[in-house]
């Protein structure tokens, strides 16, 4: 039988002593209509990419067009 309390204590002990890797990222919270959010998620799923990757591509395209 697994002692869940002991297992949880061991996990917390390891997590407290394991430094979390620092990512050079910030969370960008935006609000939009449910329809637009669904369309964006569907496009990312259709292309099999993450929402982050889709936004990065869109932002790159915007910067290219702005530079012209």
Protein backbone atom coordinates (compact mmCIF):
# COMPACT_ATOMS: atom_id res chain seq x y z
CA UNK A 1 0.00 0.00 0.00
CA UNK A 2 1.31 3.46 -0.92
CA UNK A 3 1.63 5.97 1.88
CA UNK A 4 0.29 9.03 0.08
CA UNK A 5 1.12 11.44 2.91
CA UNK A 6 4.75 10.34 2.88
CA UNK A 7 4.91 10.48 -0.92
CA UNK A 8 3.47 14.01 -0.92
CA UNK A 9 5.94 15.14 1.77
CA UNK A 10 8.83 13.74 -0.27
CA UNK A 11 7.59 15.50 -3.40
CA UNK A 12 7.25 18.83 -1.58
CA UNK A 13 10.74 18.38 -0.09
CA UNK A 14 12.24 17.84 -3.55
CA UNK A 15 10.28 20.72 -5.11
CA UNK A 16 11.33 23.12 -2.34
CA UNK A 17 14.98 22.32 -2.94
CA UNK A 18 14.90 22.12 -6.72
CA UNK A 19 15.31 25.53 -8.32
CA UNK A 20 12.72 26.16 -10.98
CA UNK A 21 14.26 27.04 -14.31
CA UNK A 22 13.82 30.72 -15.09
CA UNK A 23 12.16 31.33 -18.40
CA UNK A 24 12.55 34.57 -20.22
CA UNK A 25 8.81 34.94 -20.67
CA UNK A 26 5.93 37.10 -19.52
CA UNK A 27 2.27 36.19 -19.57
CA UNK A 28 0.20 38.45 -21.79
CA UNK A 29 -3.44 38.46 -20.76
CA UNK A 30 -5.88 39.64 -23.38
CA UNK A 31 -9.64 39.63 -23.61
CA UNK A 32 -11.61 39.04 -26.79
CA UNK A 33 -14.99 37.83 -27.97
CA UNK A 34 -15.73 34.13 -27.56
CA UNK A 35 -16.11 33.83 -31.35
CA UNK A 36 -12.69 35.34 -32.06
CA UNK A 37 -11.06 33.25 -29.32
CA UNK A 38 -12.61 30.10 -30.80
CA UNK A 39 -11.44 31.05 -34.30
CA UNK A 40 -7.89 31.65 -33.09
CA UNK A 41 -7.77 28.37 -31.18
CA UNK A 42 -9.20 26.53 -34.18
CA UNK A 43 -6.53 28.02 -36.47
CA UNK A 44 -3.75 26.98 -34.10
CA UNK A 45 -5.23 23.47 -33.86
CA UNK A 46 -5.67 23.25 -37.63
CA UNK A 47 -1.99 24.10 -38.10
CA UNK A 48 -0.98 21.91 -35.13
CA UNK A 49 0.85 24.74 -33.38
CA UNK A 50 0.50 26.37 -29.98
CA UNK A 51 -1.29 29.65 -29.43
CA UNK A 52 2.07 31.14 -28.46
CA UNK A 53 3.63 30.06 -31.74
CA UNK A 54 0.67 31.42 -33.72
CA UNK A 55 0.95 34.77 -31.95
CA UNK A 56 4.72 34.87 -32.57
CA UNK A 57 4.09 34.32 -36.29
CA UNK A 58 1.41 37.00 -36.39
CA UNK A 59 3.64 39.47 -34.56
CA UNK A 60 6.54 38.80 -36.95
CA UNK A 61 4.24 39.42 -39.91
CA UNK A 62 3.02 42.65 -38.34
CA UNK A 63 6.57 43.89 -37.77
CA UNK A 64 7.53 43.07 -41.36
CA UNK A 65 4.55 44.97 -42.76
CA UNK A 66 5.12 47.92 -40.43
CA UNK A 67 8.73 48.21 -41.58
CA UNK A 68 7.70 48.67 -45.23
